[in-house]
């Protein structure tokens, strides 16, 4: 199972010093495409996601940001995802949303399995 960490830089950075939030070719964020090492069932994936979201407060960062990231991860409509992230002041550092920052410079690493299903999901 992948881990997630929120890392606070040794010094807080000003928002203008943070990396820009790139978007996909169509001007939107994209959910990652990936394969799990071993094919998994939908139930196994849901268990991994539940464990991640239940334990994420231990990684640091702000609860309101984690809540917004979870809402964005669970939303299928990418325009809504963009609105959720922007309204929470989340700076997305990768088009697949796996690396994000809050406005204070805290880093939020999201495992791909919370953002999308693997290509080799057993149906």
PDB file of N, CA and C in Angstrom:
ATOM      1  N   UNK A   1       0.839  -1.169   0.000  1.00  0.00           N
ATOM      2  CA  UNK A   1       0.000   0.000   0.000  1.00  0.00           C
ATOM      3  C   UNK A   1       0.887   1.236   0.000  1.00  0.00           C
ATOM      4  N   UNK A   2       0.509   2.243  -0.711  1.00  0.00           N
ATOM      5  CA  UNK A   2       1.289   3.469  -0.756  1.00  0.00           C
ATOM      6  C   UNK A   2       1.068   4.296   0.487  1.00  0.00           C
ATOM      7  N   UNK A   3       1.977   5.172   0.761  1.00  0.00           N
ATOM      8  CA  UNK A   3       1.846   6.030   1.925  1.00  0.00           C
ATOM      9  C   UNK A   3       1.547   7.440   1.492  1.00  0.00           C
ATOM     10  N   UNK A   4       1.191   8.220   2.427  1.00  0.00           N
ATOM     11  CA  UNK A   4       0.936   9.617   2.162  1.00  0.00           C
ATOM     12  C   UNK A   4       1.558  10.419   3.261  1.00  0.00           C
ATOM     13  N   UNK A   5       2.134  11.508   2.906  1.00  0.00           N
ATOM     14  CA  UNK A   5       2.704  12.353   3.909  1.00  0.00           C
ATOM     15  C   UNK A   5       2.402  13.798   3.606  1.00  0.00           C
ATOM     16  N   UNK A   6       2.195  14.553   4.632  1.00  0.00           N
ATOM     17  CA  UNK A   6       2.128  15.995   4.483  1.00  0.00           C
ATOM     18  C   UNK A   6       3.411  16.495   5.094  1.00  0.00           C
ATOM     19  N   UNK A   7       4.199  17.192   4.313  1.00  0.00           N
ATOM     20  CA  UNK A   7       5.480  17.655   4.805  1.00  0.00           C
ATOM     21  C   UNK A   7       5.446  19.165   4.896  1.00  0.00           C
ATOM     22  N   UNK A   8       5.827  19.648   6.013  1.00  0.00           N
ATOM     23  CA  UNK A   8       5.922  21.085   6.197  1.00  0.00           C
ATOM     24  C   UNK A   8       7.364  21.452   5.923  1.00  0.00           C
ATOM     25  N   UNK A   9       7.604  22.347   5.007  1.00  0.00           N
ATOM     26  CA  UNK A   9       8.969  22.775   4.756  1.00  0.00           C
ATOM     27  C   UNK A   9       9.531  23.378   6.027  1.00  0.00           C
ATOM     28  N   UNK A  10      10.858  23.335   6.169  1.00  0.00           N
ATOM     29  CA  UNK A  10      11.472  23.861   7.384  1.00  0.00           C
ATOM     30  C   UNK A  10      11.094  25.324   7.589  1.00  0.00           C
ATOM     31  N   UNK A  11      10.884  26.034   6.517  1.00  0.00           N
ATOM     32  CA  UNK A  11      10.400  27.404   6.607  1.00  0.00           C
ATOM     33  C   UNK A  11       9.136  27.497   5.778  1.00  0.00           C
ATOM     34  N   UNK A  12       8.168  28.247   6.276  1.00  0.00           N
ATOM     35  CA  UNK A  12       6.963  28.429   5.469  1.00  0.00           C
ATOM     36  C   UNK A  12       7.321  29.312   4.283  1.00  0.00           C
ATOM     37  N   UNK A  13       6.807  28.952   3.133  1.00  0.00           N
ATOM     38  CA  UNK A  13       7.079  29.722   1.931  1.00  0.00           C
ATOM     39  C   UNK A  13       5.898  30.621   1.633  1.00  0.00           C
ATOM     40  N   UNK A  14       6.199  31.712   0.996  1.00  0.00           N
ATOM     41  CA  UNK A  14       5.136  32.605   0.551  1.00  0.00           C
ATOM     42  C   UNK A  14       4.432  31.958  -0.640  1.00  0.00           C
ATOM     43  N   UNK A  15       3.125  32.176  -0.799  1.00  0.00           N
ATOM     44  CA  UNK A  15       2.406  31.567  -1.920  1.00  0.00           C
ATOM     45  C   UNK A  15       3.065  31.805  -3.273  1.00  0.00           C
ATOM     46  N   UNK A  16       3.663  32.985  -3.486  1.00  0.00           N
ATOM     47  CA  UNK A  16       4.271  33.241  -4.786  1.00  0.00           C
ATOM     48  C   UNK A  16       5.535  32.408  -5.002  1.00  0.00           C
ATOM     49  N   UNK A  17       6.101  31.822  -3.930  1.00  0.00           N
ATOM     50  CA  UNK A  17       7.276  30.969  -4.047  1.00  0.00           C
ATOM     51  C   UNK A  17       6.912  29.515  -4.314  1.00  0.00           C
ATOM     52  N   UNK A  18       5.627  29.199  -4.245  1.00  0.00           N
ATOM     53  CA  UNK A  18       5.197  27.820  -4.445  1.00  0.00           C
ATOM     54  C   UNK A  18       5.190  27.485  -5.926  1.00  0.00           C
ATOM     55  N   UNK A  19       5.360  26.199  -6.238  1.00  0.00           N
ATOM     56  CA  UNK A  19       5.312  25.816  -7.641  1.00  0.00           C
ATOM     57  C   UNK A  19       3.935  26.086  -8.226  1.00  0.00           C
ATOM     58  N   UNK A  20       3.864  26.389  -9.519  1.00  0.00           N
ATOM     59  CA  UNK A  20       2.574  26.639 -10.144  1.00  0.00           C
ATOM     60  C   UNK A  20       1.746  25.378 -10.213  1.00  0.00           C
ATOM     61  N   UNK A  21       0.449  25.545 -10.348  1.00  0.00           N
ATOM     62  CA  UNK A  21      -0.434  24.391 -10.473  1.00  0.00           C
ATOM     63  C   UNK A  21      -0.725  24.102 -11.932  1.00  0.00           C
ATOM     64  N   UNK A  22       0.022  23.159 -12.528  1.00  0.00           N
ATOM     65  CA  UNK A  22      -0.227  22.872 -13.934  1.00  0.00           C
ATOM     66  C   UNK A  22      -1.553  22.156 -14.134  1.00  0.00           C
ATOM     67  N   UNK A  23      -2.079  22.264 -15.302  1.00  0.00           N
ATOM     68  CA  UNK A  23      -3.304  21.556 -15.644  1.00  0.00           C
ATOM     69  C   UNK A  23      -3.051  20.744 -16.904  1.00  0.00           C
ATOM     70  N   UNK A  24      -3.953  19.844 -17.193  1.00  0.00           N
ATOM     71  CA  UNK A  24      -3.794  18.978 -18.350  1.00  0.00           C
ATOM     72  C   UNK A  24      -3.943  19.721 -19.671  1.00  0.00           C
ATOM     73  N   UNK A  25      -3.787  18.977 -20.760  1.00  0.00           N
ATOM     74  CA  UNK A  25      -3.833  19.543 -22.106  1.00  0.00           C
ATOM     75  C   UNK A  25      -5.137  20.277 -22.377  1.00  0.00           C
ATOM     76  N   UNK A  26      -6.221  19.796 -21.781  1.00  0.00           N
ATOM     77  CA  UNK A  26      -7.518  20.427 -22.015  1.00  0.00           C
ATOM     78  C   UNK A  26      -7.819  21.524 -21.003  1.00  0.00           C
ATOM     79  N   UNK A  27      -6.807  21.942 -20.229  1.00  0.00           N
ATOM     80  CA  UNK A  27      -6.997  23.005 -19.253  1.00  0.00           C
ATOM     81  C   UNK A  27      -7.561  22.529 -17.936  1.00  0.00           C
ATOM     82  N   UNK A  28      -7.580  21.214 -17.718  1.00  0.00           N
ATOM     83  CA  UNK A  28      -8.143  20.656 -16.493  1.00  0.00           C
ATOM     84  C   UNK A  28      -7.150  19.704 -15.851  1.00  0.00           C
ATOM     85  N   UNK A  29      -7.424  19.411 -14.606  1.00  0.00           N
ATOM     86  CA  UNK A  29      -6.627  18.403 -13.923  1.00  0.00           C
ATOM     87  C   UNK A  29      -7.002  17.035 -14.471  1.00  0.00           C
ATOM     88  N   UNK A  30      -6.083  16.088 -14.343  1.00  0.00           N
ATOM     89  CA  UNK A  30      -6.332  14.744 -14.840  1.00  0.00           C
ATOM     90  C   UNK A  30      -6.092  13.748 -13.718  1.00  0.00           C
ATOM     91  N   UNK A  31      -6.929  12.742 -13.632  1.00  0.00           N
ATOM     92  CA  UNK A  31      -6.705  11.686 -12.654  1.00  0.00           C
ATOM     93  C   UNK A  31      -5.644  10.747 -13.224  1.00  0.00           C
ATOM     94  N   UNK A  32      -4.769  10.208 -12.363  1.00  0.00           N
ATOM     95  CA  UNK A  32      -3.671   9.378 -12.882  1.00  0.00           C
ATOM     96  C   UNK A  32      -4.150   8.062 -13.480  1.00  0.00           C
ATOM     97  N   UNK A  33      -3.405   7.604 -14.472  1.00  0.00           N
ATOM     98  CA  UNK A  33      -3.618   6.276 -15.042  1.00  0.00           C
ATOM     99  C   UNK A  33      -2.479   5.419 -14.502  1.00  0.00           C
ATOM    100  N   UNK A  34      -2.819   4.260 -13.946  1.00  0.00           N
ATOM    101  CA  UNK A  34      -1.793   3.429 -13.314  1.00  0.00           C
ATOM    102  C   UNK A  34      -2.238   1.979 -13.246  1.00  0.00           C
ATOM    103  N   UNK A  35      -1.267   1.104 -13.011  1.00  0.00           N
ATOM    104  CA  UNK A  35      -1.527  -0.324 -12.811  1.00  0.00           C
ATOM    105  C   UNK A  35      -0.996  -0.708 -11.443  1.00  0.00           C
ATOM    106  N   UNK A  36      -1.768  -1.506 -10.723  1.00  0.00           N
ATOM    107  CA  UNK A  36      -1.285  -2.012  -9.442  1.00  0.00           C
ATOM    108  C   UNK A  36      -0.326  -3.169  -9.716  1.00  0.00           C
ATOM    109  N   UNK A  37       0.570  -3.425  -8.763  1.00  0.00           N
ATOM    110  CA  UNK A  37       1.525  -4.519  -8.925  1.00  0.00           C
ATOM    111  C   UNK A  37       0.797  -5.836  -9.130  1.00  0.00           C
ATOM    112  N   UNK A  38      -0.227  -6.055  -8.337  1.00  0.00           N
ATOM    113  CA  UNK A  38      -1.077  -7.237  -8.460  1.00  0.00           C
ATOM    114  C   UNK A  38      -2.492  -6.748  -8.749  1.00  0.00           C
ATOM    115  N   UNK A  39      -3.195  -7.387  -9.687  1.00  0.00           N
ATOM    116  CA  UNK A  39      -4.584  -6.975  -9.917  1.00  0.00           C
ATOM    117  C   UNK A  39      -5.381  -7.027  -8.606  1.00  0.00           C
ATOM    118  N   UNK A  40      -6.268  -6.071  -8.422  1.00  0.00           N
ATOM    119  CA  UNK A  40      -7.063  -6.017  -7.193  1.00  0.00           C
ATOM    120  C   UNK A  40      -8.531  -5.860  -7.518  1.00  0.00           C
ATOM    121  N   UNK A  41      -9.351  -6.200  -6.539  1.00  0.00           N
ATOM    122  CA  UNK A  41     -10.791  -6.055  -6.690  1.00  0.00           C
ATOM    123  C   UNK A  41     -11.206  -4.647  -6.261  1.00  0.00           C
ATOM    124  N   UNK A  42     -12.405  -4.278  -6.611  1.00  0.00           N
ATOM    125  CA  UNK A  42     -12.966  -2.989  -6.186  1.00  0.00           C
ATOM    126  C   UNK A  42     -13.012  -2.907  -4.664  1.00  0.00           C
ATOM    127  N   UNK A  43     -13.338  -4.021  -4.016  1.00  0.00           N
ATOM    128  CA  UNK A  43     -13.400  -4.058  -2.543  1.00  0.00           C
ATOM    129  C   UNK A  43     -12.024  -3.810  -1.928  1.00  0.00           C
ATOM    130  N   UNK A  44     -10.977  -4.401  -2.513  1.00  0.00           N
ATOM    131  CA  UNK A  44      -9.626  -4.181  -2.007  1.00  0.00           C
ATOM    132  C   UNK A  44      -9.222  -2.715  -2.172  1.00  0.00           C
ATOM    133  N   UNK A  45      -9.563  -2.151  -3.311  1.00  0.00           N
ATOM    134  CA  UNK A  45      -9.260  -0.745  -3.561  1.00  0.00           C
ATOM    135  C   UNK A  45      -9.985   0.148  -2.561  1.00  0.00           C
ATOM    136  N   UNK A  46     -11.262  -0.118  -2.320  1.00  0.00           N
ATOM    137  CA  UNK A  46     -12.038   0.681  -1.374  1.00  0.00           C
ATOM    138  C   UNK A  46     -11.470   0.568   0.044  1.00  0.00           C
ATOM    139  N   UNK A  47     -10.977  -0.607   0.418  1.00  0.00           N
ATOM    140  CA  UNK A  47     -10.357  -0.789   1.730  1.00  0.00           C
ATOM    141  C   UNK A  47      -9.090   0.057   1.844  1.00  0.00           C
ATOM    142  N   UNK A  48      -8.264   0.025   0.800  1.00  0.00           N
ATOM    143  CA  UNK A  48      -7.032   0.838   0.802  1.00  0.00           C
ATOM    144  C   UNK A  48      -7.369   2.318   0.939  1.00  0.00           C
ATOM    145  N   UNK A  49      -8.374   2.753   0.200  1.00  0.00           N
ATOM    146  CA  UNK A  49      -8.772   4.167   0.263  1.00  0.00           C
ATOM    147  C   UNK A  49      -9.285   4.529   1.657  1.00  0.00           C
ATOM    148  N   UNK A  50     -10.106   3.667   2.244  1.00  0.00           N
ATOM    149  CA  UNK A  50     -10.653   3.937   3.579  1.00  0.00           C
ATOM    150  C   UNK A  50      -9.538   4.040   4.613  1.00  0.00           C
ATOM    151  N   UNK A  51      -8.570   3.148   4.532  1.00  0.00           N
ATOM    152  CA  UNK A  51      -7.434   3.192   5.469  1.00  0.00           C
ATOM    153  C   UNK A  51      -6.665   4.496   5.295  1.00  0.00           C
ATOM    154  N   UNK A  52      -6.422   4.885   4.055  1.00  0.00           N
ATOM    155  CA  UNK A  52      -5.694   6.127   3.805  1.00  0.00           C
ATOM    156  C   UNK A  52      -6.424   7.320   4.409  1.00  0.00           C
ATOM    157  N   UNK A  53      -7.697   7.492   4.065  1.00  0.00           N
ATOM    158  CA  UNK A  53      -8.430   8.671   4.540  1.00  0.00           C
ATOM    159  C   UNK A  53      -8.647   8.635   6.055  1.00  0.00           C
ATOM    160  N   UNK A  54      -8.732   7.445   6.657  1.00  0.00           N
ATOM    161  CA  UNK A  54      -8.856   7.344   8.119  1.00  0.00           C
ATOM    162  C   UNK A  54      -7.571   7.721   8.830  1.00  0.00           C
ATOM    163  N   UNK A  55      -6.436   7.497   8.189  1.00  0.00           N
ATOM    164  CA  UNK A  55      -5.145   7.746   8.850  1.00  0.00           C
ATOM    165  C   UNK A  55      -4.466   9.041   8.405  1.00  0.00           C
ATOM    166  N   UNK A  56      -4.988   9.706   7.405  1.00  0.00           N
ATOM    167  CA  UNK A  56      -4.315  10.895   6.888  1.00  0.00           C
ATOM    168  C   UNK A  56      -4.058  11.996   7.901  1.00  0.00           C
ATOM    169  N   UNK A  57      -4.874  12.207   8.957  1.00  0.00           N
ATOM    170  CA  UNK A  57      -4.541  13.280   9.905  1.00  0.00           C
ATOM    171  C   UNK A  57      -3.182  13.075  10.580  1.00  0.00           C
ATOM    172  N   UNK A  58      -2.725  11.839  10.666  1.00  0.00           N
ATOM    173  CA  UNK A  58      -1.426  11.559  11.280  1.00  0.00           C
ATOM    174  C   UNK A  58      -0.268  12.093  10.445  1.00  0.00           C
ATOM    175  N   UNK A  59      -0.518  12.426   9.191  1.00  0.00           N
ATOM    176  CA  UNK A  59       0.546  12.896   8.319  1.00  0.00           C
ATOM    177  C   UNK A  59       0.767  14.404   8.412  1.00  0.00           C
ATOM    178  N   UNK A  60      -0.046  15.086   9.185  1.00  0.00           N
ATOM    179  CA  UNK A  60       0.090  16.532   9.314  1.00  0.00           C
ATOM    180  C   UNK A  60      -0.755  17.250   8.283  1.00  0.00           C
ATOM    181  N   UNK A  61      -0.574  18.534   8.202  1.00  0.00           N
ATOM    182  CA  UNK A  61      -1.376  19.332   7.288  1.00  0.00           C
ATOM    183  C   UNK A  61      -2.683  19.739   7.946  1.00  0.00           C
ATOM    184  N   UNK A  62      -3.441  20.531   7.225  1.00  0.00           N
ATOM    185  CA  UNK A  62      -4.689  21.060   7.756  1.00  0.00           C
ATOM    186  C   UNK A  62      -5.867  20.143   7.404  1.00  0.00           C
ATOM    187  N   UNK A  63      -6.741  19.929   8.376  1.00  0.00           N
ATOM    188  CA  UNK A  63      -7.906  19.066   8.161  1.00  0.00           C
ATOM    189  C   UNK A  63      -8.769  19.575   7.011  1.00  0.00           C
ATOM    190  N   UNK A  64      -8.960  20.877   6.921  1.00  0.00           N
ATOM    191  CA  UNK A  64      -9.807  21.437   5.862  1.00  0.00           C
ATOM    192  C   UNK A  64      -9.212  21.128   4.483  1.00  0.00           C
ATOM    193  N   UNK A  65      -7.897  21.105   4.374  1.00  0.00           N
ATOM    194  CA  UNK A  65      -7.249  20.781   3.104  1.00  0.00           C
ATOM    195  C   UNK A  65      -7.427  19.300   2.795  1.00  0.00           C
ATOM    196  N   UNK A  66      -7.230  18.443   3.818  1.00  0.00           N
ATOM    197  CA  UNK A  66      -7.446  17.002   3.610  1.00  0.00           C
ATOM    198  C   UNK A  66      -8.891  16.730   3.181  1.00  0.00           C
ATOM    199  N   UNK A  67      -9.838  17.418   3.811  1.00  0.00           N
ATOM    200  CA  UNK A  67     -11.244  17.228   3.457  1.00  0.00           C
ATOM    201  C   UNK A  67     -11.509  17.624   2.003  1.00  0.00           C
ATOM    202  N   UNK A  68     -10.910  18.738   1.578  1.00  0.00           N
ATOM    203  CA  UNK A  68     -11.080  19.189   0.195  1.00  0.00           C
ATOM    204  C   UNK A  68     -10.409  18.216  -0.775  1.00  0.00           C
ATOM    205  N   UNK A  69      -9.228  17.715  -0.412  1.00  0.00           N
ATOM    206  CA  UNK A  69      -8.545  16.745  -1.266  1.00  0.00           C
ATOM    207  C   UNK A  69      -9.366  15.462  -1.402  1.00  0.00           C
ATOM    208  N   UNK A  70      -9.967  15.025  -0.299  1.00  0.00           N
ATOM    209  CA  UNK A  70     -10.807  13.830  -0.359  1.00  0.00           C
ATOM    210  C   UNK A  70     -12.021  14.073  -1.255  1.00  0.00           C
ATOM    211  N   UNK A  71     -12.660  15.226  -1.096  1.00  0.00           N
ATOM    212  CA  UNK A  71     -13.823  15.549  -1.936  1.00  0.00           C
ATOM    213  C   UNK A  71     -13.422  15.584  -3.410  1.00  0.00           C
ATOM    214  N   UNK A  72     -12.276  16.177  -3.712  1.00  0.00           N
ATOM    215  CA  UNK A  72     -11.806  16.237  -5.094  1.00  0.00           C
ATOM    216  C   UNK A  72     -11.481  14.843  -5.621  1.00  0.00           C
ATOM    217  N   UNK A  73     -10.865  14.020  -4.787  1.00  0.00           N
ATOM    218  CA  UNK A  73     -10.497  12.659  -5.199  1.00  0.00           C
ATOM    219  C   UNK A  73     -11.732  11.812  -5.494  1.00  0.00           C
ATOM    220  N   UNK A  74     -12.806  12.057  -4.780  1.00  0.00           N
ATOM    221  CA  UNK A  74     -14.013  11.246  -4.928  1.00  0.00           C
ATOM    222  C   UNK A  74     -14.982  11.801  -5.964  1.00  0.00           C
ATOM    223  N   UNK A  75     -14.640  12.916  -6.580  1.00  0.00           N
ATOM    224  CA  UNK A  75     -15.493  13.549  -7.577  1.00  0.00           C
ATOM    225  C   UNK A  75     -15.061  13.128  -8.976  1.00  0.00           C
ATOM    226  N   UNK A  76     -15.999  12.742  -9.790  1.00  0.00           N
ATOM    227  CA  UNK A  76     -15.698  12.298 -11.156  1.00  0.00           C
ATOM    228  C   UNK A  76     -15.620  13.467 -12.141  1.00  0.00           C
ATOM    229  N   UNK A  77     -16.453  14.490 -11.939  1.00  0.00           N
ATOM    230  CA  UNK A  77     -16.490  15.629 -12.848  1.00  0.00           C
ATOM    231  C   UNK A  77     -15.262  16.506 -12.625  1.00  0.00           C
ATOM    232  N   UNK A  78     -14.389  16.568 -13.613  1.00  0.00           N
ATOM    233  CA  UNK A  78     -13.122  17.267 -13.442  1.00  0.00           C
ATOM    234  C   UNK A  78     -13.291  18.780 -13.294  1.00  0.00           C
ATOM    235  N   UNK A  79     -14.348  19.345 -13.825  1.00  0.00           N
ATOM    236  CA  UNK A  79     -14.597  20.773 -13.612  1.00  0.00           C
ATOM    237  C   UNK A  79     -14.916  21.022 -12.137  1.00  0.00           C
ATOM    238  N   UNK A  80     -15.670  20.123 -11.520  1.00  0.00           N
ATOM    239  CA  UNK A  80     -15.964  20.230 -10.088  1.00  0.00           C
ATOM    240  C   UNK A  80     -14.697  20.034  -9.259  1.00  0.00           C
ATOM    241  N   UNK A  81     -13.845  19.115  -9.698  1.00  0.00           N
ATOM    242  CA  UNK A  81     -12.567  18.896  -9.011  1.00  0.00           C
ATOM    243  C   UNK A  81     -11.778  20.200  -8.989  1.00  0.00           C
ATOM    244  N   UNK A  82     -11.690  20.839 -10.138  1.00  0.00           N
ATOM    245  CA  UNK A  82     -10.946  22.098 -10.240  1.00  0.00           C
ATOM    246  C   UNK A  82     -11.532  23.155  -9.302  1.00  0.00           C
ATOM    247  N   UNK A  83     -12.852  23.262  -9.251  1.00  0.00           N
ATOM    248  CA  UNK A  83     -13.502  24.240  -8.375  1.00  0.00           C
ATOM    249  C   UNK A  83     -13.228  23.942  -6.900  1.00  0.00           C
ATOM    250  N   UNK A  84     -13.281  22.663  -6.518  1.00  0.00           N
ATOM    251  CA  UNK A  84     -13.010  22.278  -5.123  1.00  0.00           C
ATOM    252  C   UNK A  84     -11.594  22.676  -4.745  1.00  0.00           C
ATOM    253  N   UNK A  85     -10.632  22.329  -5.591  1.00  0.00           N
ATOM    254  CA  UNK A  85      -9.230  22.620  -5.292  1.00  0.00           C
ATOM    255  C   UNK A  85      -8.973  24.127  -5.231  1.00  0.00           C
ATOM    256  N   UNK A  86      -9.505  24.851  -6.180  1.00  0.00           N
ATOM    257  CA  UNK A  86      -9.296  26.305  -6.203  1.00  0.00           C
ATOM    258  C   UNK A  86      -9.963  26.995  -5.028  1.00  0.00           C
ATOM    259  N   UNK A  87     -11.164  26.565  -4.667  1.00  0.00           N
ATOM    260  CA  UNK A  87     -11.868  27.225  -3.565  1.00  0.00           C
ATOM    261  C   UNK A  87     -11.190  26.961  -2.223  1.00  0.00           C
ATOM    262  N   UNK A  88     -10.478  25.845  -2.111  1.00  0.00           N
ATOM    263  CA  UNK A  88      -9.749  25.541  -0.871  1.00  0.00           C
ATOM    264  C   UNK A  88      -8.344  26.139  -0.880  1.00  0.00           C
ATOM    265  N   UNK A  89      -7.969  26.773  -1.973  1.00  0.00           N
ATOM    266  CA  UNK A  89      -6.635  27.368  -2.062  1.00  0.00           C
ATOM    267  C   UNK A  89      -5.537  26.328  -2.211  1.00  0.00           C
ATOM    268  N   UNK A  90      -5.873  25.206  -2.799  1.00  0.00           N
ATOM    269  CA  UNK A  90      -4.899  24.132  -2.980  1.00  0.00           C
ATOM    270  C   UNK A  90      -4.141  24.366  -4.274  1.00  0.00           C
ATOM    271  N   UNK A  91      -2.830  24.285  -4.175  1.00  0.00           N
ATOM    272  CA  UNK A  91      -1.957  24.460  -5.326  1.00  0.00           C
ATOM    273  C   UNK A  91      -1.546  23.069  -5.790  1.00  0.00           C
ATOM    274  N   UNK A  92      -1.945  22.719  -6.998  1.00  0.00           N
ATOM    275  CA  UNK A  92      -1.648  21.395  -7.545  1.00  0.00           C
ATOM    276  C   UNK A  92      -0.345  21.482  -8.312  1.00  0.00           C
ATOM    277  N   UNK A  93       0.624  20.640  -7.919  1.00  0.00           N
ATOM    278  CA  UNK A  93       1.951  20.692  -8.519  1.00  0.00           C
ATOM    279  C   UNK A  93       2.123  19.733  -9.682  1.00  0.00           C
ATOM    280  N   UNK A  94       1.243  18.759  -9.804  1.00  0.00           N
ATOM    281  CA  UNK A  94       1.319  17.802 -10.912  1.00  0.00           C
ATOM    282  C   UNK A  94      -0.062  17.688 -11.542  1.00  0.00           C
ATOM    283  N   UNK A  95      -0.112  17.478 -12.837  1.00  0.00           N
ATOM    284  CA  UNK A  95      -1.414  17.414 -13.510  1.00  0.00           C
ATOM    285  C   UNK A  95      -2.274  16.275 -12.988  1.00  0.00           C
ATOM    286  N   UNK A  96      -1.641  15.224 -12.440  1.00  0.00           N
ATOM    287  CA  UNK A  96      -2.426  14.093 -11.942  1.00  0.00           C
ATOM    288  C   UNK A  96      -2.838  14.250 -10.479  1.00  0.00           C
ATOM    289  N   UNK A  97      -2.551  15.387  -9.888  1.00  0.00           N
ATOM    290  CA  UNK A  97      -2.981  15.757  -8.530  1.00  0.00           C
ATOM    291  C   UNK A  97      -2.307  14.947  -7.413  1.00  0.00           C
ATOM    292  N   UNK A  98      -1.212  14.249  -7.693  1.00  0.00           N
ATOM    293  CA  UNK A  98      -0.565  13.451  -6.651  1.00  0.00           C
ATOM    294  C   UNK A  98       0.291  14.291  -5.709  1.00  0.00           C
ATOM    295  N   UNK A  99       0.667  15.495  -6.116  1.00  0.00           N
ATOM    296  CA  UNK A  99       1.441  16.381  -5.249  1.00  0.00           C
ATOM    297  C   UNK A  99       0.730  17.726  -5.206  1.00  0.00           C
ATOM    298  N   UNK A 100       0.338  18.120  -3.997  1.00  0.00           N
ATOM    299  CA  UNK A 100      -0.372  19.387  -3.810  1.00  0.00           C
ATOM    300  C   UNK A 100       0.250  20.142  -2.637  1.00  0.00           C
ATOM    301  N   UNK A 101      -0.014  21.418  -2.583  1.00  0.00           N
ATOM    302  CA  UNK A 101       0.427  22.276  -1.492  1.00  0.00           C
ATOM    303  C   UNK A 101      -0.756  23.111  -1.023  1.00  0.00           C
ATOM    304  N   UNK A 102      -0.726  23.480   0.267  1.00  0.00           N
ATOM    305  CA  UNK A 102      -1.698  24.474   0.699  1.00  0.00           C
ATOM    306  C   UNK A 102      -1.039  25.838   0.576  1.00  0.00           C
ATOM    307  N   UNK A 103      -1.778  26.882   0.876  1.00  0.00           N
ATOM    308  CA  UNK A 103      -1.254  28.239   0.700  1.00  0.00           C
ATOM    309  C   UNK A 103      -0.125  28.584   1.661  1.00  0.00           C
ATOM    310  N   UNK A 104       0.043  27.777   2.706  1.00  0.00           N
ATOM    311  CA  UNK A 104       1.130  27.999   3.667  1.00  0.00           C
ATOM    312  C   UNK A 104       2.397  27.242   3.295  1.00  0.00           C
ATOM    313  N   UNK A 105       2.317  26.435   2.251  1.00  0.00           N
ATOM    314  CA  UNK A 105       3.494  25.708   1.789  1.00  0.00           C
ATOM    315  C   UNK A 105       3.587  24.271   2.262  1.00  0.00           C
ATOM    316  N   UNK A 106       2.578  23.771   3.006  1.00  0.00           N
ATOM    317  CA  UNK A 106       2.596  22.373   3.435  1.00  0.00           C
ATOM    318  C   UNK A 106       2.323  21.487   2.224  1.00  0.00           C
ATOM    319  N   UNK A 107       3.081  20.410   2.116  1.00  0.00           N
ATOM    320  CA  UNK A 107       2.958  19.498   0.979  1.00  0.00           C
ATOM    321  C   UNK A 107       2.037  18.338   1.317  1.00  0.00           C
ATOM    322  N   UNK A 108       1.222  17.946   0.356  1.00  0.00           N
ATOM    323  CA  UNK A 108       0.287  16.830   0.501  1.00  0.00           C
ATOM    324  C   UNK A 108       0.535  15.858  -0.648  1.00  0.00           C
ATOM    325  N   UNK A 109       1.042  14.680  -0.332  1.00  0.00           N
ATOM    326  CA  UNK A 109       1.276  13.638  -1.336  1.00  0.00           C
ATOM    327  C   UNK A 109       0.095  12.682  -1.318  1.00  0.00           C
ATOM    328  N   UNK A 110      -0.540  12.521  -2.454  1.00  0.00           N
ATOM    329  CA  UNK A 110      -1.680  11.618  -2.552  1.00  0.00           C
ATOM    330  C   UNK A 110      -1.292  10.396  -3.369  1.00  0.00           C
ATOM    331  N   UNK A 111      -1.539   9.206  -2.827  1.00  0.00           N
ATOM    332  CA  UNK A 111      -1.268   8.011  -3.621  1.00  0.00           C
ATOM    333  C   UNK A 111      -2.263   7.913  -4.777  1.00  0.00           C
ATOM    334  N   UNK A 112      -1.826   7.350  -5.875  1.00  0.00           N
ATOM    335  CA  UNK A 112      -2.683   7.253  -7.062  1.00  0.00           C
ATOM    336  C   UNK A 112      -3.970   6.502  -6.772  1.00  0.00           C
ATOM    337  N   UNK A 113      -3.912   5.526  -5.859  1.00  0.00           N
ATOM    338  CA  UNK A 113      -5.109   4.708  -5.632  1.00  0.00           C
ATOM    339  C   UNK A 113      -6.264   5.472  -4.997  1.00  0.00           C
ATOM    340  N   UNK A 114      -6.024   6.635  -4.407  1.00  0.00           N
ATOM    341  CA  UNK A 114      -7.154   7.406  -3.885  1.00  0.00           C
ATOM    342  C   UNK A 114      -7.759   8.305  -4.968  1.00  0.00           C
ATOM    343  N   UNK A 115      -7.035   8.488  -6.060  1.00  0.00           N
ATOM    344  CA  UNK A 115      -7.480   9.383  -7.114  1.00  0.00           C
ATOM    345  C   UNK A 115      -8.172   8.671  -8.274  1.00  0.00           C
ATOM    346  N   UNK A 116      -7.786   7.422  -8.530  1.00  0.00           N
ATOM    347  CA  UNK A 116      -8.379   6.702  -9.655  1.00  0.00           C
ATOM    348  C   UNK A 116      -8.215   5.196  -9.461  1.00  0.00           C
ATOM    349  N   UNK A 117      -8.957   4.462 -10.267  1.00  0.00           N
ATOM    350  CA  UNK A 117      -8.865   3.000 -10.226  1.00  0.00           C
ATOM    351  C   UNK A 117      -7.684   2.554 -11.080  1.00  0.00           C
ATOM    352  N   UNK A 118      -7.054   1.435 -10.701  1.00  0.00           N
ATOM    353  CA  UNK A 118      -5.969   0.928 -11.552  1.00  0.00           C
ATOM    354  C   UNK A 118      -6.521   0.394 -12.872  1.00  0.00           C
ATOM    355  N   UNK A 119      -5.693   0.408 -13.885  1.00  0.00           N
ATOM    356  CA  UNK A 119      -6.106  -0.104 -15.191  1.00  0.00           C
ATOM    357  C   UNK A 119      -6.396  -1.606 -15.144  1.00  0.00           C
ATOM    358  N   UNK A 120      -5.759  -2.303 -14.200  1.00  0.00           N
ATOM    359  CA  UNK A 120      -5.923  -3.747 -14.109  1.00  0.00           C
ATOM    360  C   UNK A 120      -6.873  -4.152 -12.965  1.00  0.00           C
ATOM    361  N   UNK A 121      -7.848  -3.291 -12.669  1.00  0.00           N
ATOM    362  CA  UNK A 121      -8.844  -3.603 -11.644  1.00  0.00           C
ATOM    363  C   UNK A 121      -9.661  -4.814 -12.083  1.00  0.00           C
ATOM    364  N   UNK A 122      -9.820  -5.764 -11.178  1.00  0.00           N
ATOM    365  CA  UNK A 122     -10.626  -6.944 -11.488  1.00  0.00           C
ATOM    366  C   UNK A 122     -12.094  -6.581 -11.412  1.00  0.00           C
ATOM    367  N   UNK A 123     -12.830  -6.909 -12.424  1.00  0.00           N
ATOM    368  CA  UNK A 123     -14.255  -6.553 -12.475  1.00  0.00           C
ATOM    369  C   UNK A 123     -15.109  -7.746 -12.203  1.00  0.00           C
TER     370      UNK A 123
END
